[in-house]
């Protein structure tokens, strides 16, 4: 749980399941409160939690949507998510170990959310997932996701392993997935005491995608950017944003505000 939500006061197995999942409910209730305040006509049919872990946010979304899906690259995380599922068949967890979301058809979801996930995925793969979010979102749906943009300080001063952006190289995608799987394997080994010499924080790289590039990907996929808000949950070294996106019924020229 601490690997998913790294509250410094909970380090050392101090998260309890009730408190962990309550924190997810607070986050989703606050987020949907913002959606209501915006006046966005959100439909409450289907929701997707990308990078769901053990379902902290997926379970919370189930309080507000008819059917919820959580996807993750870690089968170990998903096994635990299924154990904590309180909503039966209304909540479905699925393994997604490909660089796309082709397990879902286009126009499948009214609401898509991802937070503190894309920041651990190298930019070439992250951009592809962002484009996929728009594809699987229904026309008139709402997509909200967070990703860092740029470092606030020089890389050699940051307590992160940083790569800002890389040229598009299709051949790198498999290597990207292997790297993410390796991170989860390392975390699992650490938590089972097999690699006591490794600090968990050192196992997880941080990446950013500049804001203008994120907007370009969204617009190229047919999305309309409603809002870009500074949302600094990636640590003090990073300037981070949360993007609010919908998909119009008809293609049109879009711009970020």
C-alpha atoms as a PDB file:
ATOM      1  CA  UNK A   1       0.000   0.000   0.000  1.00  0.00           C
ATOM      2  CA  UNK A   2       2.866   2.366   0.736  1.00  0.00           C
ATOM      3  CA  UNK A   3       4.323   1.619  -2.715  1.00  0.00           C
ATOM      4  CA  UNK A   4       1.032   2.885  -4.190  1.00  0.00           C
ATOM      5  CA  UNK A   5       0.410   5.865  -1.914  1.00  0.00           C
ATOM      6  CA  UNK A   6       3.718   6.910  -0.381  1.00  0.00           C
ATOM      7  CA  UNK A   7       2.552   8.819   2.677  1.00  0.00           C
ATOM      8  CA  UNK A   8       5.749   9.206   4.755  1.00  0.00           C
ATOM      9  CA  UNK A   9       3.770   8.606   7.955  1.00  0.00           C
ATOM     10  CA  UNK A  10       2.677   5.194   6.648  1.00  0.00           C
ATOM     11  CA  UNK A  11       6.094   3.847   5.661  1.00  0.00           C
ATOM     12  CA  UNK A  12       6.980   0.477   7.132  1.00  0.00           C
ATOM     13  CA  UNK A  13       3.639  -1.293   6.602  1.00  0.00           C
ATOM     14  CA  UNK A  14       1.690   1.298   8.613  1.00  0.00           C
ATOM     15  CA  UNK A  15      -1.209   1.555   6.168  1.00  0.00           C
ATOM     16  CA  UNK A  16      -4.283  -0.358   7.287  1.00  0.00           C
ATOM     17  CA  UNK A  17      -6.732  -1.418   4.540  1.00  0.00           C
ATOM     18  CA  UNK A  18      -9.661   0.585   5.918  1.00  0.00           C
ATOM     19  CA  UNK A  19      -7.674   3.810   6.033  1.00  0.00           C
ATOM     20  CA  UNK A  20      -6.053   3.142   2.678  1.00  0.00           C
ATOM     21  CA  UNK A  21      -9.368   2.712   0.870  1.00  0.00           C
ATOM     22  CA  UNK A  22     -10.985   5.585   2.789  1.00  0.00           C
ATOM     23  CA  UNK A  23      -8.255   7.842   1.392  1.00  0.00           C
ATOM     24  CA  UNK A  24      -9.363   6.778  -2.094  1.00  0.00           C
ATOM     25  CA  UNK A  25     -12.972   7.681  -1.326  1.00  0.00           C
ATOM     26  CA  UNK A  26     -11.888  11.122  -0.120  1.00  0.00           C
ATOM     27  CA  UNK A  27      -9.866  11.693  -3.297  1.00  0.00           C
ATOM     28  CA  UNK A  28     -12.666  10.633  -5.660  1.00  0.00           C
ATOM     29  CA  UNK A  29     -15.360  12.510  -3.733  1.00  0.00           C
ATOM     30  CA  UNK A  30     -13.257  15.654  -3.931  1.00  0.00           C
ATOM     31  CA  UNK A  31     -12.550  15.189  -7.627  1.00  0.00           C
ATOM     32  CA  UNK A  32     -16.191  14.601  -8.559  1.00  0.00           C
ATOM     33  CA  UNK A  33     -17.102  17.601  -6.452  1.00  0.00           C
ATOM     34  CA  UNK A  34     -14.857  19.661  -8.728  1.00  0.00           C
ATOM     35  CA  UNK A  35     -16.564  18.153 -11.773  1.00  0.00           C
ATOM     36  CA  UNK A  36     -19.958  19.165 -10.375  1.00  0.00           C
ATOM     37  CA  UNK A  37     -18.695  22.668  -9.599  1.00  0.00           C
ATOM     38  CA  UNK A  38     -17.552  22.984 -13.236  1.00  0.00           C
ATOM     39  CA  UNK A  39     -21.066  22.163 -14.372  1.00  0.00           C
ATOM     40  CA  UNK A  40     -19.843  19.300 -16.552  1.00  0.00           C
ATOM     41  CA  UNK A  41     -22.750  16.957 -17.462  1.00  0.00           C
ATOM     42  CA  UNK A  42     -20.980  13.761 -16.425  1.00  0.00           C
ATOM     43  CA  UNK A  43     -22.792  10.525 -17.145  1.00  0.00           C
ATOM     44  CA  UNK A  44     -22.429   7.847 -14.452  1.00  0.00           C
ATOM     45  CA  UNK A  45     -22.390   4.671 -16.546  1.00  0.00           C
ATOM     46  CA  UNK A  46     -18.847   3.342 -16.967  1.00  0.00           C
ATOM     47  CA  UNK A  47     -15.521   4.411 -15.451  1.00  0.00           C
ATOM     48  CA  UNK A  48     -11.892   3.379 -15.995  1.00  0.00           C
ATOM     49  CA  UNK A  49      -9.104   3.595 -13.429  1.00  0.00           C
ATOM     50  CA  UNK A  50      -5.771   3.386 -15.301  1.00  0.00           C
ATOM     51  CA  UNK A  51      -2.937   2.045 -13.152  1.00  0.00           C
ATOM     52  CA  UNK A  52      -5.339   0.841 -10.487  1.00  0.00           C
ATOM     53  CA  UNK A  53      -2.883  -0.982  -8.219  1.00  0.00           C
ATOM     54  CA  UNK A  54      -4.943  -2.811  -5.610  1.00  0.00           C
ATOM     55  CA  UNK A  55      -8.047  -0.739  -6.345  1.00  0.00           C
ATOM     56  CA  UNK A  56      -7.797   2.234  -3.979  1.00  0.00           C
ATOM     57  CA  UNK A  57      -9.524   4.538  -6.477  1.00  0.00           C
ATOM     58  CA  UNK A  58     -11.450   1.882  -8.409  1.00  0.00           C
ATOM     59  CA  UNK A  59     -13.432   0.911  -5.323  1.00  0.00           C
ATOM     60  CA  UNK A  60     -14.172   4.575  -4.658  1.00  0.00           C
ATOM     61  CA  UNK A  61     -15.371   5.086  -8.240  1.00  0.00           C
ATOM     62  CA  UNK A  62     -17.802   2.193  -7.774  1.00  0.00           C
ATOM     63  CA  UNK A  63     -19.754   4.410  -5.360  1.00  0.00           C
ATOM     64  CA  UNK A  64     -20.522   6.759  -8.252  1.00  0.00           C
ATOM     65  CA  UNK A  65     -20.650   4.693 -11.469  1.00  0.00           C
ATOM     66  CA  UNK A  66     -22.637   1.692 -12.605  1.00  0.00           C
ATOM     67  CA  UNK A  67     -19.628  -0.284 -13.829  1.00  0.00           C
ATOM     68  CA  UNK A  68     -15.955   0.302 -13.117  1.00  0.00           C
ATOM     69  CA  UNK A  69     -12.828  -1.178 -14.638  1.00  0.00           C
ATOM     70  CA  UNK A  70      -9.362  -1.096 -13.156  1.00  0.00           C
ATOM     71  CA  UNK A  71      -6.305  -1.969 -15.260  1.00  0.00           C
ATOM     72  CA  UNK A  72      -2.734  -2.512 -14.176  1.00  0.00           C
ATOM     73  CA  UNK A  73       0.450  -4.122 -15.465  1.00  0.00           C
ATOM     74  CA  UNK A  74       1.051  -6.037 -12.216  1.00  0.00           C
ATOM     75  CA  UNK A  75      -0.775  -9.337 -11.767  1.00  0.00           C
ATOM     76  CA  UNK A  76       0.255  -9.321  -8.103  1.00  0.00           C
ATOM     77  CA  UNK A  77      -1.468  -5.986  -7.534  1.00  0.00           C
ATOM     78  CA  UNK A  78      -4.568  -7.180  -9.382  1.00  0.00           C
ATOM     79  CA  UNK A  79      -4.790 -10.358  -7.304  1.00  0.00           C
ATOM     80  CA  UNK A  80      -4.983  -8.190  -4.191  1.00  0.00           C
ATOM     81  CA  UNK A  81      -7.440  -5.808  -5.858  1.00  0.00           C
ATOM     82  CA  UNK A  82      -9.807  -8.699  -6.485  1.00  0.00           C
ATOM     83  CA  UNK A  83      -9.558  -9.728  -2.844  1.00  0.00           C
ATOM     84  CA  UNK A  84     -10.519  -6.207  -1.724  1.00  0.00           C
ATOM     85  CA  UNK A  85     -13.367  -5.841  -4.241  1.00  0.00           C
ATOM     86  CA  UNK A  86     -16.638  -4.999  -2.453  1.00  0.00           C
ATOM     87  CA  UNK A  87     -18.770  -4.497  -5.569  1.00  0.00           C
ATOM     88  CA  UNK A  88     -18.846  -7.901  -7.228  1.00  0.00           C
ATOM     89  CA  UNK A  89     -19.354  -7.977 -10.983  1.00  0.00           C
ATOM     90  CA  UNK A  90     -19.857  -4.190 -11.099  1.00  0.00           C
ATOM     91  CA  UNK A  91     -16.093  -3.876 -10.628  1.00  0.00           C
ATOM     92  CA  UNK A  92     -13.777  -5.647 -13.060  1.00  0.00           C
ATOM     93  CA  UNK A  93      -9.999  -5.765 -12.814  1.00  0.00           C
ATOM     94  CA  UNK A  94      -7.951  -6.593 -15.909  1.00  0.00           C
ATOM     95  CA  UNK A  95      -4.262  -7.132 -16.640  1.00  0.00           C
ATOM     96  CA  UNK A  96      -2.983  -4.764 -19.319  1.00  0.00           C
ATOM     97  CA  UNK A  97       0.600  -5.575 -20.262  1.00  0.00           C
ATOM     98  CA  UNK A  98       0.523  -4.059 -23.736  1.00  0.00           C
ATOM     99  CA  UNK A  99       1.521  -0.502 -24.769  1.00  0.00           C
ATOM    100  CA  UNK A 100      -2.109   0.325 -25.623  1.00  0.00           C
ATOM    101  CA  UNK A 101      -5.658  -0.212 -24.354  1.00  0.00           C
ATOM    102  CA  UNK A 102      -6.861  -2.495 -27.116  1.00  0.00           C
ATOM    103  CA  UNK A 103      -8.564  -4.769 -24.608  1.00  0.00           C
ATOM    104  CA  UNK A 104     -11.271  -2.056 -24.709  1.00  0.00           C
ATOM    105  CA  UNK A 105     -13.299  -0.966 -27.714  1.00  0.00           C
ATOM    106  CA  UNK A 106     -13.454   2.676 -28.776  1.00  0.00           C
ATOM    107  CA  UNK A 107     -16.056   4.842 -27.014  1.00  0.00           C
ATOM    108  CA  UNK A 108     -16.351   2.583 -23.963  1.00  0.00           C
ATOM    109  CA  UNK A 109     -16.121   4.918 -20.951  1.00  0.00           C
ATOM    110  CA  UNK A 110     -17.999   7.914 -19.592  1.00  0.00           C
ATOM    111  CA  UNK A 111     -15.165   8.722 -17.195  1.00  0.00           C
ATOM    112  CA  UNK A 112     -11.442   7.895 -17.201  1.00  0.00           C
ATOM    113  CA  UNK A 113      -9.062   8.777 -14.391  1.00  0.00           C
ATOM    114  CA  UNK A 114      -5.344   8.283 -13.800  1.00  0.00           C
ATOM    115  CA  UNK A 115      -3.222   9.830 -11.061  1.00  0.00           C
ATOM    116  CA  UNK A 116       0.469   9.351 -10.094  1.00  0.00           C
ATOM    117  CA  UNK A 117       0.774   6.615 -12.746  1.00  0.00           C
ATOM    118  CA  UNK A 118       1.984   8.158 -16.027  1.00  0.00           C
ATOM    119  CA  UNK A 119       4.851   9.771 -14.126  1.00  0.00           C
ATOM    120  CA  UNK A 120       6.445   6.325 -13.844  1.00  0.00           C
ATOM    121  CA  UNK A 121       6.047   5.444 -17.547  1.00  0.00           C
ATOM    122  CA  UNK A 122       8.658   6.619 -20.087  1.00  0.00           C
ATOM    123  CA  UNK A 123       7.314   9.401 -22.311  1.00  0.00           C
ATOM    124  CA  UNK A 124       7.000   7.516 -25.591  1.00  0.00           C
ATOM    125  CA  UNK A 125       4.731   4.943 -23.957  1.00  0.00           C
ATOM    126  CA  UNK A 126       2.967   7.615 -21.886  1.00  0.00           C
ATOM    127  CA  UNK A 127       1.979   9.564 -24.982  1.00  0.00           C
ATOM    128  CA  UNK A 128       0.559   6.425 -26.550  1.00  0.00           C
ATOM    129  CA  UNK A 129      -1.569   5.738 -23.479  1.00  0.00           C
ATOM    130  CA  UNK A 130      -2.818   9.338 -23.476  1.00  0.00           C
ATOM    131  CA  UNK A 131      -3.946   8.934 -27.080  1.00  0.00           C
ATOM    132  CA  UNK A 132      -5.613   5.659 -26.132  1.00  0.00           C
ATOM    133  CA  UNK A 133      -7.523   7.375 -23.319  1.00  0.00           C
ATOM    134  CA  UNK A 134      -9.216   9.565 -25.906  1.00  0.00           C
ATOM    135  CA  UNK A 135      -9.978   6.597 -28.146  1.00  0.00           C
ATOM    136  CA  UNK A 136     -11.740   4.591 -25.426  1.00  0.00           C
ATOM    137  CA  UNK A 137     -13.596   7.613 -24.011  1.00  0.00           C
ATOM    138  CA  UNK A 138     -17.175   8.085 -25.146  1.00  0.00           C
ATOM    139  CA  UNK A 139     -18.153  11.242 -27.006  1.00  0.00           C
ATOM    140  CA  UNK A 140     -19.192  13.661 -24.298  1.00  0.00           C
ATOM    141  CA  UNK A 141     -17.228  11.726 -21.688  1.00  0.00           C
ATOM    142  CA  UNK A 142     -14.614  13.122 -19.332  1.00  0.00           C
ATOM    143  CA  UNK A 143     -10.941  12.185 -19.012  1.00  0.00           C
ATOM    144  CA  UNK A 144      -8.833  13.462 -16.111  1.00  0.00           C
ATOM    145  CA  UNK A 145      -5.191  12.492 -15.717  1.00  0.00           C
ATOM    146  CA  UNK A 146      -2.007  13.795 -14.121  1.00  0.00           C
ATOM    147  CA  UNK A 147       1.494  13.796 -15.548  1.00  0.00           C
ATOM    148  CA  UNK A 148       4.593  15.874 -14.699  1.00  0.00           C
ATOM    149  CA  UNK A 149       5.725  18.412 -17.266  1.00  0.00           C
ATOM    150  CA  UNK A 150       9.255  19.625 -16.536  1.00  0.00           C
ATOM    151  CA  UNK A 151      11.788  19.621 -13.730  1.00  0.00           C
ATOM    152  CA  UNK A 152      11.823  22.701 -11.527  1.00  0.00           C
ATOM    153  CA  UNK A 153      15.521  22.185 -10.721  1.00  0.00           C
ATOM    154  CA  UNK A 154      18.521  20.709 -12.500  1.00  0.00           C
ATOM    155  CA  UNK A 155      18.449  16.908 -12.798  1.00  0.00           C
ATOM    156  CA  UNK A 156      21.640  16.509 -10.771  1.00  0.00           C
ATOM    157  CA  UNK A 157      19.941  18.347  -7.887  1.00  0.00           C
ATOM    158  CA  UNK A 158      16.720  16.344  -7.992  1.00  0.00           C
ATOM    159  CA  UNK A 159      16.131  13.304  -5.837  1.00  0.00           C
ATOM    160  CA  UNK A 160      14.717  11.493  -8.841  1.00  0.00           C
ATOM    161  CA  UNK A 161      15.947   9.633 -11.873  1.00  0.00           C
ATOM    162  CA  UNK A 162      14.674  11.905 -14.611  1.00  0.00           C
ATOM    163  CA  UNK A 163      14.190  11.651 -18.340  1.00  0.00           C
ATOM    164  CA  UNK A 164      12.225  14.541 -19.845  1.00  0.00           C
ATOM    165  CA  UNK A 165      11.454  13.184 -23.267  1.00  0.00           C
ATOM    166  CA  UNK A 166      12.815  10.792 -25.851  1.00  0.00           C
ATOM    167  CA  UNK A 167      12.338  10.596 -29.641  1.00  0.00           C
ATOM    168  CA  UNK A 168       9.560   8.297 -30.739  1.00  0.00           C
ATOM    169  CA  UNK A 169      10.940   4.853 -31.296  1.00  0.00           C
ATOM    170  CA  UNK A 170       8.479   2.006 -31.698  1.00  0.00           C
ATOM    171  CA  UNK A 171      11.201  -0.510 -30.878  1.00  0.00           C
ATOM    172  CA  UNK A 172      11.518   0.987 -27.381  1.00  0.00           C
ATOM    173  CA  UNK A 173       7.993   0.054 -26.326  1.00  0.00           C
ATOM    174  CA  UNK A 174       8.742  -3.564 -25.472  1.00  0.00           C
ATOM    175  CA  UNK A 175      11.790  -2.444 -23.514  1.00  0.00           C
ATOM    176  CA  UNK A 176       9.582   0.048 -21.692  1.00  0.00           C
ATOM    177  CA  UNK A 177       7.149  -2.658 -20.641  1.00  0.00           C
ATOM    178  CA  UNK A 178       9.999  -4.905 -19.528  1.00  0.00           C
ATOM    179  CA  UNK A 179      11.339  -2.070 -17.418  1.00  0.00           C
ATOM    180  CA  UNK A 180       7.976  -1.466 -15.744  1.00  0.00           C
ATOM    181  CA  UNK A 181       7.613  -5.174 -15.032  1.00  0.00           C
ATOM    182  CA  UNK A 182      11.115  -5.120 -13.573  1.00  0.00           C
ATOM    183  CA  UNK A 183      10.149  -2.286 -11.234  1.00  0.00           C
ATOM    184  CA  UNK A 184       7.225  -4.300  -9.888  1.00  0.00           C
ATOM    185  CA  UNK A 185       9.425  -7.395  -9.495  1.00  0.00           C
ATOM    186  CA  UNK A 186      11.978  -5.341  -7.579  1.00  0.00           C
ATOM    187  CA  UNK A 187       9.281  -3.879  -5.340  1.00  0.00           C
ATOM    188  CA  UNK A 188       7.909  -7.357  -4.663  1.00  0.00           C
ATOM    189  CA  UNK A 189      11.373  -8.648  -3.800  1.00  0.00           C
ATOM    190  CA  UNK A 190      12.001  -5.694  -1.513  1.00  0.00           C
ATOM    191  CA  UNK A 191       8.725  -6.163   0.347  1.00  0.00           C
ATOM    192  CA  UNK A 192       9.544  -9.841   0.873  1.00  0.00           C
ATOM    193  CA  UNK A 193      12.944  -9.033   2.312  1.00  0.00           C
ATOM    194  CA  UNK A 194      14.932 -10.437  -0.589  1.00  0.00           C
ATOM    195  CA  UNK A 195      16.767  -7.189  -1.412  1.00  0.00           C
ATOM    196  CA  UNK A 196      17.270  -5.340   1.837  1.00  0.00           C
ATOM    197  CA  UNK A 197      20.064  -3.254   0.271  1.00  0.00           C
ATOM    198  CA  UNK A 198      17.654  -1.505  -2.117  1.00  0.00           C
ATOM    199  CA  UNK A 199      15.544   1.512  -1.126  1.00  0.00           C
ATOM    200  CA  UNK A 200      12.067   1.373  -2.637  1.00  0.00           C
ATOM    201  CA  UNK A 201      12.240   5.034  -3.656  1.00  0.00           C
ATOM    202  CA  UNK A 202      15.294   4.280  -5.790  1.00  0.00           C
ATOM    203  CA  UNK A 203      13.466   1.638  -7.810  1.00  0.00           C
ATOM    204  CA  UNK A 204      10.891   3.945  -9.377  1.00  0.00           C
ATOM    205  CA  UNK A 205      11.998   6.343 -12.098  1.00  0.00           C
ATOM    206  CA  UNK A 206      10.178   9.623 -12.692  1.00  0.00           C
ATOM    207  CA  UNK A 207       9.386  11.027 -16.134  1.00  0.00           C
ATOM    208  CA  UNK A 208       7.767  14.139 -17.533  1.00  0.00           C
ATOM    209  CA  UNK A 209       6.036  15.128 -20.743  1.00  0.00           C
ATOM    210  CA  UNK A 210       6.027  18.883 -21.473  1.00  0.00           C
ATOM    211  CA  UNK A 211       2.566  20.429 -21.309  1.00  0.00           C
ATOM    212  CA  UNK A 212       2.538  21.531 -24.946  1.00  0.00           C
ATOM    213  CA  UNK A 213       3.321  17.982 -26.064  1.00  0.00           C
ATOM    214  CA  UNK A 214       0.526  16.516 -23.951  1.00  0.00           C
ATOM    215  CA  UNK A 215      -1.959  18.967 -25.455  1.00  0.00           C
ATOM    216  CA  UNK A 216      -0.715  18.151 -28.964  1.00  0.00           C
ATOM    217  CA  UNK A 217      -1.261  14.407 -28.378  1.00  0.00           C
ATOM    218  CA  UNK A 218      -4.743  14.995 -26.956  1.00  0.00           C
ATOM    219  CA  UNK A 219      -5.818  17.197 -29.837  1.00  0.00           C
ATOM    220  CA  UNK A 220      -4.303  14.845 -32.401  1.00  0.00           C
ATOM    221  CA  UNK A 221      -6.380  12.010 -30.935  1.00  0.00           C
ATOM    222  CA  UNK A 222      -9.593  14.046 -31.188  1.00  0.00           C
ATOM    223  CA  UNK A 223      -9.795  15.308 -27.615  1.00  0.00           C
ATOM    224  CA  UNK A 224     -10.823  18.770 -26.458  1.00  0.00           C
ATOM    225  CA  UNK A 225      -8.856  20.156 -23.522  1.00  0.00           C
ATOM    226  CA  UNK A 226     -11.216  21.761 -21.028  1.00  0.00           C
ATOM    227  CA  UNK A 227      -8.777  22.635 -18.294  1.00  0.00           C
ATOM    228  CA  UNK A 228      -5.106  22.317 -17.403  1.00  0.00           C
ATOM    229  CA  UNK A 229      -4.501  22.832 -13.696  1.00  0.00           C
ATOM    230  CA  UNK A 230      -1.226  22.863 -11.829  1.00  0.00           C
ATOM    231  CA  UNK A 231      -1.332  19.751  -9.689  1.00  0.00           C
ATOM    232  CA  UNK A 232       1.927  19.174  -7.896  1.00  0.00           C
ATOM    233  CA  UNK A 233       1.654  15.637  -6.582  1.00  0.00           C
ATOM    234  CA  UNK A 234       4.895  14.466  -8.206  1.00  0.00           C
ATOM    235  CA  UNK A 235       7.168  15.968  -5.567  1.00  0.00           C
ATOM    236  CA  UNK A 236       8.861  19.356  -5.254  1.00  0.00           C
ATOM    237  CA  UNK A 237      11.333  18.696  -8.081  1.00  0.00           C
ATOM    238  CA  UNK A 238       8.612  18.576 -10.734  1.00  0.00           C
ATOM    239  CA  UNK A 239       6.099  20.975 -12.247  1.00  0.00           C
ATOM    240  CA  UNK A 240       3.053  18.763 -12.725  1.00  0.00           C
ATOM    241  CA  UNK A 241      -0.369  19.272 -14.302  1.00  0.00           C
ATOM    242  CA  UNK A 242      -3.770  17.629 -14.269  1.00  0.00           C
ATOM    243  CA  UNK A 243      -5.578  17.611 -17.610  1.00  0.00           C
ATOM    244  CA  UNK A 244      -9.376  17.681 -18.049  1.00  0.00           C
ATOM    245  CA  UNK A 245     -10.431  16.462 -21.483  1.00  0.00           C
ATOM    246  CA  UNK A 246     -13.634  15.600 -23.320  1.00  0.00           C
ATOM    247  CA  UNK A 247     -14.328  14.245 -26.802  1.00  0.00           C
ATOM    248  CA  UNK A 248     -16.729  16.187 -29.027  1.00  0.00           C
ATOM    249  CA  UNK A 249     -19.185  14.333 -31.204  1.00  0.00           C
ATOM    250  CA  UNK A 250     -17.709  15.915 -34.322  1.00  0.00           C
ATOM    251  CA  UNK A 251     -13.974  16.537 -35.001  1.00  0.00           C
ATOM    252  CA  UNK A 252     -13.013  20.186 -34.637  1.00  0.00           C
ATOM    253  CA  UNK A 253     -10.042  22.466 -34.150  1.00  0.00           C
ATOM    254  CA  UNK A 254      -9.196  22.445 -30.421  1.00  0.00           C
ATOM    255  CA  UNK A 255      -7.025  24.519 -28.154  1.00  0.00           C
ATOM    256  CA  UNK A 256      -5.906  24.449 -24.534  1.00  0.00           C
ATOM    257  CA  UNK A 257      -7.007  27.140 -22.144  1.00  0.00           C
END
